[in-house]
Amino acid sequence: MIGIVVRFDVRDREAAVAFDRLTAAVVGHIRAREPGTLVYATHSVDDDALARVFYEIYADDAALQAHEDAPHVREFHAAKEPLLARPPRVELIRPGPSAHGITTE
């Protein structure tokens, strides 16, 4: 398994509304078309109305690559760029030794 945590900071409230609309549309496509995407959870941040955090888990590297190559994801990335205040912060994560029931291989 492989995971990603992404933080997006949008420009303003208008951009946040547009970003949330784009997100709702792409999440539907991800759930319907990406069997290797095990978790795709999007979040707002309590203390920062202009921040969004995505938590993503993929079955393996191939599933992550299939996600990144999917037309709906590429369209999302292109459409969201003008809404952002800065580049997103992306962290690649893998299960560690304390992950219960998950191997680290």
PDB file of N, CA and C in Angstrom:
ATOM      1  N   MET A   1       0.835  -1.180   0.000  1.00  0.00           N
ATOM      2  CA  MET A   1       0.000   0.000   0.000  1.00  0.00           C
ATOM      3  C   MET A   1       0.881   1.244   0.000  1.00  0.00           C
ATOM      4  N   ILE A   2       0.315   2.273  -0.559  1.00  0.00           N
ATOM      5  CA  ILE A   2       1.005   3.554  -0.601  1.00  0.00           C
ATOM      6  C   ILE A   2      -0.036   4.658  -0.387  1.00  0.00           C
ATOM      7  N   GLY A   3       0.355   5.680   0.311  1.00  0.00           N
ATOM      8  CA  GLY A   3      -0.577   6.763   0.593  1.00  0.00           C
ATOM      9  C   GLY A   3      -0.004   8.117   0.255  1.00  0.00           C
ATOM     10  N   ILE A   4      -0.904   9.058   0.165  1.00  0.00           N
ATOM     11  CA  ILE A   4      -0.527  10.448  -0.092  1.00  0.00           C
ATOM     12  C   ILE A   4      -1.381  11.336   0.800  1.00  0.00           C
ATOM     13  N   VAL A   5      -0.764  12.340   1.363  1.00  0.00           N
ATOM     14  CA  VAL A   5      -1.479  13.400   2.065  1.00  0.00           C
ATOM     15  C   VAL A   5      -1.146  14.685   1.320  1.00  0.00           C
ATOM     16  N   VAL A   6      -2.187  15.408   0.905  1.00  0.00           N
ATOM     17  CA  VAL A   6      -1.985  16.638   0.140  1.00  0.00           C
ATOM     18  C   VAL A   6      -2.719  17.778   0.830  1.00  0.00           C
ATOM     19  N   ARG A   7      -2.036  18.892   0.987  1.00  0.00           N
ATOM     20  CA  ARG A   7      -2.683  20.101   1.500  1.00  0.00           C
ATOM     21  C   ARG A   7      -2.744  21.123   0.371  1.00  0.00           C
ATOM     22  N   PHE A   8      -3.957  21.613   0.144  1.00  0.00           N
ATOM     23  CA  PHE A   8      -4.194  22.664  -0.836  1.00  0.00           C
ATOM     24  C   PHE A   8      -4.597  23.928  -0.083  1.00  0.00           C
ATOM     25  N   ASP A   9      -4.035  25.057  -0.468  1.00  0.00           N
ATOM     26  CA  ASP A   9      -4.442  26.358   0.063  1.00  0.00           C
ATOM     27  C   ASP A   9      -4.999  27.162  -1.101  1.00  0.00           C
ATOM     28  N   VAL A  10      -6.295  27.456  -1.039  1.00  0.00           N
ATOM     29  CA  VAL A  10      -6.937  28.184  -2.132  1.00  0.00           C
ATOM     30  C   VAL A  10      -6.825  29.686  -1.897  1.00  0.00           C
ATOM     31  N   ARG A  11      -7.014  30.448  -2.980  1.00  0.00           N
ATOM     32  CA  ARG A  11      -6.802  31.908  -2.958  1.00  0.00           C
ATOM     33  C   ARG A  11      -7.753  32.657  -2.046  1.00  0.00           C
ATOM     34  N   ASP A  12      -9.048  32.345  -2.165  1.00  0.00           N
ATOM     35  CA  ASP A  12     -10.068  33.114  -1.450  1.00  0.00           C
ATOM     36  C   ASP A  12     -11.337  32.274  -1.350  1.00  0.00           C
ATOM     37  N   ARG A  13     -12.384  32.836  -0.762  1.00  0.00           N
ATOM     38  CA  ARG A  13     -13.628  32.073  -0.555  1.00  0.00           C
ATOM     39  C   ARG A  13     -14.276  31.653  -1.872  1.00  0.00           C
ATOM     40  N   GLU A  14     -14.228  32.519  -2.864  1.00  0.00           N
ATOM     41  CA  GLU A  14     -14.777  32.176  -4.173  1.00  0.00           C
ATOM     42  C   GLU A  14     -14.024  30.987  -4.780  1.00  0.00           C
ATOM     43  N   ALA A  15     -12.715  31.004  -4.663  1.00  0.00           N
ATOM     44  CA  ALA A  15     -11.899  29.893  -5.148  1.00  0.00           C
ATOM     45  C   ALA A  15     -12.191  28.621  -4.361  1.00  0.00           C
ATOM     46  N   ALA A  16     -12.466  28.747  -3.064  1.00  0.00           N
ATOM     47  CA  ALA A  16     -12.787  27.577  -2.242  1.00  0.00           C
ATOM     48  C   ALA A  16     -14.073  26.910  -2.720  1.00  0.00           C
ATOM     49  N   VAL A  17     -15.062  27.708  -3.065  1.00  0.00           N
ATOM     50  CA  VAL A  17     -16.329  27.154  -3.568  1.00  0.00           C
ATOM     51  C   VAL A  17     -16.081  26.415  -4.883  1.00  0.00           C
ATOM     52  N   ALA A  18     -15.328  27.022  -5.780  1.00  0.00           N
ATOM     53  CA  ALA A  18     -15.023  26.383  -7.057  1.00  0.00           C
ATOM     54  C   ALA A  18     -14.187  25.115  -6.866  1.00  0.00           C
ATOM     55  N   PHE A  19     -13.207  25.168  -5.972  1.00  0.00           N
ATOM     56  CA  PHE A  19     -12.371  24.004  -5.682  1.00  0.00           C
ATOM     57  C   PHE A  19     -13.226  22.859  -5.139  1.00  0.00           C
ATOM     58  N   ASP A  20     -14.140  23.165  -4.229  1.00  0.00           N
ATOM     59  CA  ASP A  20     -15.002  22.128  -3.657  1.00  0.00           C
ATOM     60  C   ASP A  20     -15.907  21.504  -4.723  1.00  0.00           C
ATOM     61  N   ARG A  21     -16.374  22.307  -5.664  1.00  0.00           N
ATOM     62  CA  ARG A  21     -17.186  21.770  -6.766  1.00  0.00           C
ATOM     63  C   ARG A  21     -16.363  20.827  -7.628  1.00  0.00           C
ATOM     64  N   LEU A  22     -15.156  21.236  -7.980  1.00  0.00           N
ATOM     65  CA  LEU A  22     -14.262  20.374  -8.760  1.00  0.00           C
ATOM     66  C   LEU A  22     -13.969  19.072  -8.020  1.00  0.00           C
ATOM     67  N   THR A  23     -13.717  19.198  -6.725  1.00  0.00           N
ATOM     68  CA  THR A  23     -13.412  18.021  -5.912  1.00  0.00           C
ATOM     69  C   THR A  23     -14.570  17.044  -5.897  1.00  0.00           C
ATOM     70  N   ALA A  24     -15.784  17.529  -5.685  1.00  0.00           N
ATOM     71  CA  ALA A  24     -16.960  16.647  -5.658  1.00  0.00           C
ATOM     72  C   ALA A  24     -17.099  15.890  -6.971  1.00  0.00           C
ATOM     73  N   ALA A  25     -16.855  16.558  -8.076  1.00  0.00           N
ATOM     74  CA  ALA A  25     -16.969  15.898  -9.381  1.00  0.00           C
ATOM     75  C   ALA A  25     -15.897  14.832  -9.573  1.00  0.00           C
ATOM     76  N   VAL A  26     -14.650  15.145  -9.239  1.00  0.00           N
ATOM     77  CA  VAL A  26     -13.578  14.182  -9.475  1.00  0.00           C
ATOM     78  C   VAL A  26     -13.676  12.988  -8.533  1.00  0.00           C
ATOM     79  N   VAL A  27     -14.122  13.196  -7.309  1.00  0.00           N
ATOM     80  CA  VAL A  27     -14.240  12.083  -6.363  1.00  0.00           C
ATOM     81  C   VAL A  27     -15.225  11.034  -6.891  1.00  0.00           C
ATOM     82  N   GLY A  28     -16.303  11.469  -7.498  1.00  0.00           N
ATOM     83  CA  GLY A  28     -17.250  10.520  -8.093  1.00  0.00           C
ATOM     84  C   GLY A  28     -16.606   9.657  -9.159  1.00  0.00           C
ATOM     85  N   HIS A  29     -15.790  10.272 -10.010  1.00  0.00           N
ATOM     86  CA  HIS A  29     -15.084   9.515 -11.049  1.00  0.00           C
ATOM     87  C   HIS A  29     -14.053   8.571 -10.443  1.00  0.00           C
ATOM     88  N   ILE A  30     -13.346   9.031  -9.439  1.00  0.00           N
ATOM     89  CA  ILE A  30     -12.333   8.184  -8.796  1.00  0.00           C
ATOM     90  C   ILE A  30     -12.976   6.948  -8.196  1.00  0.00           C
ATOM     91  N   ARG A  31     -14.060   7.134  -7.481  1.00  0.00           N
ATOM     92  CA  ARG A  31     -14.739   5.987  -6.853  1.00  0.00           C
ATOM     93  C   ARG A  31     -15.281   5.011  -7.886  1.00  0.00           C
ATOM     94  N   ALA A  32     -15.774   5.527  -9.003  1.00  0.00           N
ATOM     95  CA  ALA A  32     -16.381   4.672 -10.021  1.00  0.00           C
ATOM     96  C   ALA A  32     -15.363   3.991 -10.930  1.00  0.00           C
ATOM     97  N   ARG A  33     -14.199   4.598 -11.124  1.00  0.00           N
ATOM     98  CA  ARG A  33     -13.290   4.143 -12.167  1.00  0.00           C
ATOM     99  C   ARG A  33     -11.921   3.672 -11.694  1.00  0.00           C
ATOM    100  N   GLU A  34     -11.653   3.738 -10.406  1.00  0.00           N
ATOM    101  CA  GLU A  34     -10.311   3.399  -9.925  1.00  0.00           C
ATOM    102  C   GLU A  34     -10.364   2.347  -8.822  1.00  0.00           C
ATOM    103  N   PRO A  35     -10.428   1.070  -9.200  1.00  0.00           N
ATOM    104  CA  PRO A  35     -10.506   0.022  -8.176  1.00  0.00           C
ATOM    105  C   PRO A  35      -9.279  -0.054  -7.275  1.00  0.00           C
ATOM    106  N   GLY A  36      -8.137   0.426  -7.739  1.00  0.00           N
ATOM    107  CA  GLY A  36      -6.928   0.397  -6.925  1.00  0.00           C
ATOM    108  C   GLY A  36      -6.815   1.553  -5.944  1.00  0.00           C
ATOM    109  N   THR A  37      -7.746   2.509  -6.032  1.00  0.00           N
ATOM    110  CA  THR A  37      -7.783   3.596  -5.063  1.00  0.00           C
ATOM    111  C   THR A  37      -8.647   3.123  -3.904  1.00  0.00           C
ATOM    112  N   LEU A  38      -8.025   2.812  -2.796  1.00  0.00           N
ATOM    113  CA  LEU A  38      -8.720   2.216  -1.659  1.00  0.00           C
ATOM    114  C   LEU A  38      -9.400   3.252  -0.782  1.00  0.00           C
ATOM    115  N   VAL A  39      -8.776   4.421  -0.631  1.00  0.00           N
ATOM    116  CA  VAL A  39      -9.337   5.530   0.158  1.00  0.00           C
ATOM    117  C   VAL A  39      -9.037   6.816  -0.594  1.00  0.00           C
ATOM    118  N   TYR A  40     -10.045   7.660  -0.731  1.00  0.00           N
ATOM    119  CA  TYR A  40      -9.841   8.997  -1.291  1.00  0.00           C
ATOM    120  C   TYR A  40     -10.742   9.915  -0.493  1.00  0.00           C
ATOM    121  N   ALA A  41     -10.212  10.432   0.584  1.00  0.00           N
ATOM    122  CA  ALA A  41     -10.992  11.233   1.530  1.00  0.00           C
ATOM    123  C   ALA A  41     -10.543  12.683   1.454  1.00  0.00           C
ATOM    124  N   THR A  42     -11.502  13.581   1.317  1.00  0.00           N
ATOM    125  CA  THR A  42     -11.190  15.006   1.244  1.00  0.00           C
ATOM    126  C   THR A  42     -11.725  15.690   2.495  1.00  0.00           C
ATOM    127  N   HIS A  43     -10.975  16.695   2.959  1.00  0.00           N
ATOM    128  CA  HIS A  43     -11.311  17.334   4.228  1.00  0.00           C
ATOM    129  C   HIS A  43     -11.163  18.841   4.129  1.00  0.00           C
ATOM    130  N   SER A  44     -11.974  19.553   4.898  1.00  0.00           N
ATOM    131  CA  SER A  44     -11.725  20.967   5.158  1.00  0.00           C
ATOM    132  C   SER A  44     -10.948  21.031   6.472  1.00  0.00           C
ATOM    133  N   VAL A  45     -10.432  22.201   6.795  1.00  0.00           N
ATOM    134  CA  VAL A  45      -9.615  22.378   7.999  1.00  0.00           C
ATOM    135  C   VAL A  45     -10.335  23.358   8.915  1.00  0.00           C
ATOM    136  N   ASP A  46     -10.624  22.937  10.140  1.00  0.00           N
ATOM    137  CA  ASP A  46     -11.410  23.753  11.072  1.00  0.00           C
ATOM    138  C   ASP A  46     -10.914  25.176  11.235  1.00  0.00           C
ATOM    139  N   ASP A  47      -9.626  25.356  11.412  1.00  0.00           N
ATOM    140  CA  ASP A  47      -9.086  26.686  11.712  1.00  0.00           C
ATOM    141  C   ASP A  47      -8.604  27.448  10.487  1.00  0.00           C
ATOM    142  N   ASP A  48      -8.866  26.903   9.290  1.00  0.00           N
ATOM    143  CA  ASP A  48      -8.389  27.562   8.072  1.00  0.00           C
ATOM    144  C   ASP A  48      -9.397  27.314   6.945  1.00  0.00           C
ATOM    145  N   ALA A  49     -10.296  28.248   6.746  1.00  0.00           N
ATOM    146  CA  ALA A  49     -11.385  28.087   5.767  1.00  0.00           C
ATOM    147  C   ALA A  49     -10.884  27.955   4.334  1.00  0.00           C
ATOM    148  N   LEU A  50      -9.651  28.312   4.077  1.00  0.00           N
ATOM    149  CA  LEU A  50      -9.123  28.249   2.716  1.00  0.00           C
ATOM    150  C   LEU A  50      -8.203  27.048   2.491  1.00  0.00           C
ATOM    151  N   ALA A  51      -8.147  26.138   3.445  1.00  0.00           N
ATOM    152  CA  ALA A  51      -7.303  24.946   3.318  1.00  0.00           C
ATOM    153  C   ALA A  51      -8.158  23.702   3.096  1.00  0.00           C
ATOM    154  N   ARG A  52      -7.627  22.802   2.304  1.00  0.00           N
ATOM    155  CA  ARG A  52      -8.230  21.502   2.079  1.00  0.00           C
ATOM    156  C   ARG A  52      -7.124  20.463   2.202  1.00  0.00           C
ATOM    157  N   VAL A  53      -7.454  19.298   2.764  1.00  0.00           N
ATOM    158  CA  VAL A  53      -6.483  18.214   2.899  1.00  0.00           C
ATOM    159  C   VAL A  53      -7.104  16.953   2.314  1.00  0.00           C
ATOM    160  N   PHE A  54      -6.349  16.293   1.461  1.00  0.00           N
ATOM    161  CA  PHE A  54      -6.778  15.018   0.879  1.00  0.00           C
ATOM    162  C   PHE A  54      -5.918  13.914   1.493  1.00  0.00           C
ATOM    163  N   TYR A  55      -6.577  12.799   1.799  1.00  0.00           N
ATOM    164  CA  TYR A  55      -5.906  11.610   2.307  1.00  0.00           C
ATOM    165  C   TYR A  55      -6.236  10.496   1.329  1.00  0.00           C
ATOM    166  N   GLU A  56      -5.208   9.923   0.734  1.00  0.00           N
ATOM    167  CA  GLU A  56      -5.394   8.951  -0.342  1.00  0.00           C
ATOM    168  C   GLU A  56      -4.588   7.684  -0.055  1.00  0.00           C
ATOM    169  N   ILE A  57      -5.213   6.527  -0.259  1.00  0.00           N
ATOM    170  CA  ILE A  57      -4.522   5.244  -0.102  1.00  0.00           C
ATOM    171  C   ILE A  57      -4.725   4.440  -1.385  1.00  0.00           C
ATOM    172  N   TYR A  58      -3.631   3.923  -1.911  1.00  0.00           N
ATOM    173  CA  TYR A  58      -3.650   3.138  -3.148  1.00  0.00           C
ATOM    174  C   TYR A  58      -3.130   1.734  -2.861  1.00  0.00           C
ATOM    175  N   ALA A  59      -3.638   0.769  -3.595  1.00  0.00           N
ATOM    176  CA  ALA A  59      -3.255  -0.628  -3.393  1.00  0.00           C
ATOM    177  C   ALA A  59      -1.760  -0.837  -3.595  1.00  0.00           C
ATOM    178  N   ASP A  60      -1.187  -0.129  -4.561  1.00  0.00           N
ATOM    179  CA  ASP A  60       0.236  -0.274  -4.869  1.00  0.00           C
ATOM    180  C   ASP A  60       0.664   0.878  -5.768  1.00  0.00           C
ATOM    181  N   ASP A  61       1.922   0.860  -6.167  1.00  0.00           N
ATOM    182  CA  ASP A  61       2.452   1.930  -7.016  1.00  0.00           C
ATOM    183  C   ASP A  61       1.720   2.000  -8.356  1.00  0.00           C
ATOM    184  N   ALA A  62       1.333   0.843  -8.900  1.00  0.00           N
ATOM    185  CA  ALA A  62       0.621   0.831 -10.186  1.00  0.00           C
ATOM    186  C   ALA A  62      -0.741   1.517 -10.055  1.00  0.00           C
ATOM    187  N   ALA A  63      -1.421   1.312  -8.948  1.00  0.00           N
ATOM    188  CA  ALA A  63      -2.716   1.962  -8.732  1.00  0.00           C
ATOM    189  C   ALA A  63      -2.550   3.473  -8.604  1.00  0.00           C
ATOM    190  N   LEU A  64      -1.489   3.901  -7.922  1.00  0.00           N
ATOM    191  CA  LEU A  64      -1.210   5.340  -7.824  1.00  0.00           C
ATOM    192  C   LEU A  64      -0.927   5.918  -9.203  1.00  0.00           C
ATOM    193  N   GLN A  65      -0.137   5.225 -10.003  1.00  0.00           N
ATOM    194  CA  GLN A  65       0.175   5.717 -11.349  1.00  0.00           C
ATOM    195  C   GLN A  65      -1.086   5.759 -12.216  1.00  0.00           C
ATOM    196  N   ALA A  66      -1.948   4.741 -12.094  1.00  0.00           N
ATOM    197  CA  ALA A  66      -3.209   4.738 -12.854  1.00  0.00           C
ATOM    198  C   ALA A  66      -4.068   5.937 -12.453  1.00  0.00           C
ATOM    199  N   HIS A  67      -4.074   6.253 -11.171  1.00  0.00           N
ATOM    200  CA  HIS A  67      -4.817   7.423 -10.688  1.00  0.00           C
ATOM    201  C   HIS A  67      -4.264   8.690 -11.322  1.00  0.00           C
ATOM    202  N   GLU A  68      -2.947   8.875 -11.245  1.00  0.00           N
ATOM    203  CA  GLU A  68      -2.325  10.089 -11.775  1.00  0.00           C
ATOM    204  C   GLU A  68      -2.514  10.231 -13.279  1.00  0.00           C
ATOM    205  N   ASP A  69      -2.591   9.106 -14.000  1.00  0.00           N
ATOM    206  CA  ASP A  69      -2.741   9.122 -15.456  1.00  0.00           C
ATOM    207  C   ASP A  69      -4.193   9.246 -15.917  1.00  0.00           C
ATOM    208  N   ALA A  70      -5.148   9.074 -15.013  1.00  0.00           N
ATOM    209  CA  ALA A  70      -6.576   9.089 -15.388  1.00  0.00           C
ATOM    210  C   ALA A  70      -6.971  10.466 -15.932  1.00  0.00           C
ATOM    211  N   PRO A  71      -7.721  10.497 -17.025  1.00  0.00           N
ATOM    212  CA  PRO A  71      -8.134  11.779 -17.601  1.00  0.00           C
ATOM    213  C   PRO A  71      -8.880  12.682 -16.615  1.00  0.00           C
ATOM    214  N   HIS A  72      -9.739  12.106 -15.783  1.00  0.00           N
ATOM    215  CA  HIS A  72     -10.491  12.929 -14.834  1.00  0.00           C
ATOM    216  C   HIS A  72      -9.568  13.571 -13.795  1.00  0.00           C
ATOM    217  N   VAL A  73      -8.489  12.907 -13.437  1.00  0.00           N
ATOM    218  CA  VAL A  73      -7.535  13.473 -12.481  1.00  0.00           C
ATOM    219  C   VAL A  73      -6.698  14.555 -13.161  1.00  0.00           C
ATOM    220  N   ARG A  74      -6.275  14.310 -14.380  1.00  0.00           N
ATOM    221  CA  ARG A  74      -5.517  15.330 -15.116  1.00  0.00           C
ATOM    222  C   ARG A  74      -6.362  16.596 -15.310  1.00  0.00           C
ATOM    223  N   GLU A  75      -7.634  16.421 -15.627  1.00  0.00           N
ATOM    224  CA  GLU A  75      -8.528  17.573 -15.788  1.00  0.00           C
ATOM    225  C   GLU A  75      -8.695  18.320 -14.463  1.00  0.00           C
ATOM    226  N   PHE A  76      -8.816  17.584 -13.362  1.00  0.00           N
ATOM    227  CA  PHE A  76      -8.920  18.201 -12.043  1.00  0.00           C
ATOM    228  C   PHE A  76      -7.681  19.051 -11.747  1.00  0.00           C
ATOM    229  N   HIS A  77      -6.506  18.471 -11.987  1.00  0.00           N
ATOM    230  CA  HIS A  77      -5.260  19.198 -11.712  1.00  0.00           C
ATOM    231  C   HIS A  77      -5.179  20.492 -12.533  1.00  0.00           C
ATOM    232  N   ALA A  78      -5.543  20.428 -13.797  1.00  0.00           N
ATOM    233  CA  ALA A  78      -5.483  21.620 -14.648  1.00  0.00           C
ATOM    234  C   ALA A  78      -6.480  22.680 -14.177  1.00  0.00           C
ATOM    235  N   ALA A  79      -7.682  22.253 -13.809  1.00  0.00           N
ATOM    236  CA  ALA A  79      -8.726  23.204 -13.410  1.00  0.00           C
ATOM    237  C   ALA A  79      -8.472  23.819 -12.043  1.00  0.00           C
ATOM    238  N   LYS A  80      -7.822  23.098 -11.144  1.00  0.00           N
ATOM    239  CA  LYS A  80      -7.605  23.605  -9.783  1.00  0.00           C
ATOM    240  C   LYS A  80      -6.454  24.598  -9.698  1.00  0.00           C
ATOM    241  N   GLU A  81      -5.490  24.505 -10.589  1.00  0.00           N
ATOM    242  CA  GLU A  81      -4.289  25.331 -10.494  1.00  0.00           C
ATOM    243  C   GLU A  81      -4.568  26.823 -10.328  1.00  0.00           C
ATOM    244  N   PRO A  82      -5.462  27.420 -11.127  1.00  0.00           N
ATOM    245  CA  PRO A  82      -5.684  28.862 -10.959  1.00  0.00           C
ATOM    246  C   PRO A  82      -6.393  29.238  -9.656  1.00  0.00           C
ATOM    247  N   LEU A  83      -6.912  28.253  -8.946  1.00  0.00           N
ATOM    248  CA  LEU A  83      -7.630  28.507  -7.695  1.00  0.00           C
ATOM    249  C   LEU A  83      -6.701  28.536  -6.481  1.00  0.00           C
ATOM    250  N   LEU A  84      -5.487  28.059  -6.650  1.00  0.00           N
ATOM    251  CA  LEU A  84      -4.581  27.886  -5.517  1.00  0.00           C
ATOM    252  C   LEU A  84      -3.765  29.139  -5.215  1.00  0.00           C
ATOM    253  N   ALA A  85      -3.513  29.351  -3.936  1.00  0.00           N
ATOM    254  CA  ALA A  85      -2.672  30.460  -3.489  1.00  0.00           C
ATOM    255  C   ALA A  85      -1.189  30.108  -3.603  1.00  0.00           C
ATOM    256  N   ARG A  86      -0.885  28.818  -3.555  1.00  0.00           N
ATOM    257  CA  ARG A  86       0.501  28.337  -3.634  1.00  0.00           C
ATOM    258  C   ARG A  86       0.454  26.882  -4.085  1.00  0.00           C
ATOM    259  N   PRO A  87       1.582  26.341  -4.502  1.00  0.00           N
ATOM    260  CA  PRO A  87       1.587  24.920  -4.891  1.00  0.00           C
ATOM    261  C   PRO A  87       1.160  24.035  -3.717  1.00  0.00           C
ATOM    262  N   PRO A  88       0.491  22.933  -4.000  1.00  0.00           N
ATOM    263  CA  PRO A  88       0.083  22.041  -2.909  1.00  0.00           C
ATOM    264  C   PRO A  88       1.293  21.391  -2.241  1.00  0.00           C
ATOM    265  N   ARG A  89       1.100  21.051  -0.981  1.00  0.00           N
ATOM    266  CA  ARG A  89       2.120  20.288  -0.253  1.00  0.00           C
ATOM    267  C   ARG A  89       1.731  18.821  -0.363  1.00  0.00           C
ATOM    268  N   VAL A  90       2.591  18.006  -0.937  1.00  0.00           N
ATOM    269  CA  VAL A  90       2.316  16.588  -1.182  1.00  0.00           C
ATOM    270  C   VAL A  90       3.305  15.756  -0.396  1.00  0.00           C
ATOM    271  N   GLU A  91       2.791  14.828   0.407  1.00  0.00           N
ATOM    272  CA  GLU A  91       3.643  13.915   1.156  1.00  0.00           C
ATOM    273  C   GLU A  91       3.262  12.491   0.823  1.00  0.00           C
ATOM    274  N   LEU A  92       4.224  11.731   0.361  1.00  0.00           N
ATOM    275  CA  LEU A  92       4.059  10.319   0.070  1.00  0.00           C
ATOM    276  C   LEU A  92       4.274   9.558   1.367  1.00  0.00           C
ATOM    277  N   ILE A  93       3.336   8.689   1.724  1.00  0.00           N
ATOM    278  CA  ILE A  93       3.457   7.947   2.975  1.00  0.00           C
ATOM    279  C   ILE A  93       3.312   6.443   2.718  1.00  0.00           C
ATOM    280  N   ARG A  94       3.976   5.666   3.537  1.00  0.00           N
ATOM    281  CA  ARG A  94       3.881   4.199   3.485  1.00  0.00           C
ATOM    282  C   ARG A  94       3.679   3.692   4.905  1.00  0.00           C
ATOM    283  N   PRO A  95       3.011   2.545   5.054  1.00  0.00           N
ATOM    284  CA  PRO A  95       2.793   2.012   6.401  1.00  0.00           C
ATOM    285  C   PRO A  95       4.116   1.793   7.134  1.00  0.00           C
ATOM    286  N   GLY A  96       4.132   2.173   8.379  1.00  0.00           N
ATOM    287  CA  GLY A  96       5.319   1.995   9.206  1.00  0.00           C
ATOM    288  C   GLY A  96       5.182   0.788  10.111  1.00  0.00           C
ATOM    289  N   PRO A  97       6.158   0.564  10.962  1.00  0.00           N
ATOM    290  CA  PRO A  97       6.164  -0.624  11.810  1.00  0.00           C
ATOM    291  C   PRO A  97       5.040  -0.664  12.836  1.00  0.00           C
ATOM    292  N   SER A  98       4.414   0.465  13.123  1.00  0.00           N
ATOM    293  CA  SER A  98       3.338   0.460  14.115  1.00  0.00           C
ATOM    294  C   SER A  98       1.960   0.279  13.490  1.00  0.00           C
ATOM    295  N   ALA A  99       1.899   0.140  12.155  1.00  0.00           N
ATOM    296  CA  ALA A  99       0.602  -0.014  11.483  1.00  0.00           C
ATOM    297  C   ALA A  99       0.055  -1.410  11.778  1.00  0.00           C
ATOM    298  N   HIS A 100      -0.978  -1.499  12.558  1.00  0.00           N
ATOM    299  CA  HIS A 100      -1.565  -2.769  12.969  1.00  0.00           C
ATOM    300  C   HIS A 100      -2.131  -3.524  11.773  1.00  0.00           C
ATOM    301  N   GLY A 101      -1.671  -4.740  11.592  1.00  0.00           N
ATOM    302  CA  GLY A 101      -2.202  -5.599  10.538  1.00  0.00           C
ATOM    303  C   GLY A 101      -1.711  -5.253   9.152  1.00  0.00           C
ATOM    304  N   ILE A 102      -0.764  -4.348   9.033  1.00  0.00           N
ATOM    305  CA  ILE A 102      -0.265  -3.946   7.733  1.00  0.00           C
ATOM    306  C   ILE A 102       1.221  -4.261   7.685  1.00  0.00           C
ATOM    307  N   THR A 103       1.632  -4.926   6.647  1.00  0.00           N
ATOM    308  CA  THR A 103       3.059  -5.218   6.519  1.00  0.00           C
ATOM    309  C   THR A 103       3.763  -4.011   5.926  1.00  0.00           C
ATOM    310  N   THR A 104       5.055  -3.909   6.165  1.00  0.00           N
ATOM    311  CA  THR A 104       5.835  -2.803   5.646  1.00  0.00           C
ATOM    312  C   THR A 104       6.639  -3.200   4.431  1.00  0.00           C
ATOM    313  N   GLU A 105       6.301  -4.301   3.821  1.00  0.00           N
ATOM    314  CA  GLU A 105       7.046  -4.784   2.634  1.00  0.00           C
ATOM    315  C   GLU A 105       6.649  -4.014   1.405  1.00  0.00           C
TER     316      GLU A 105
END
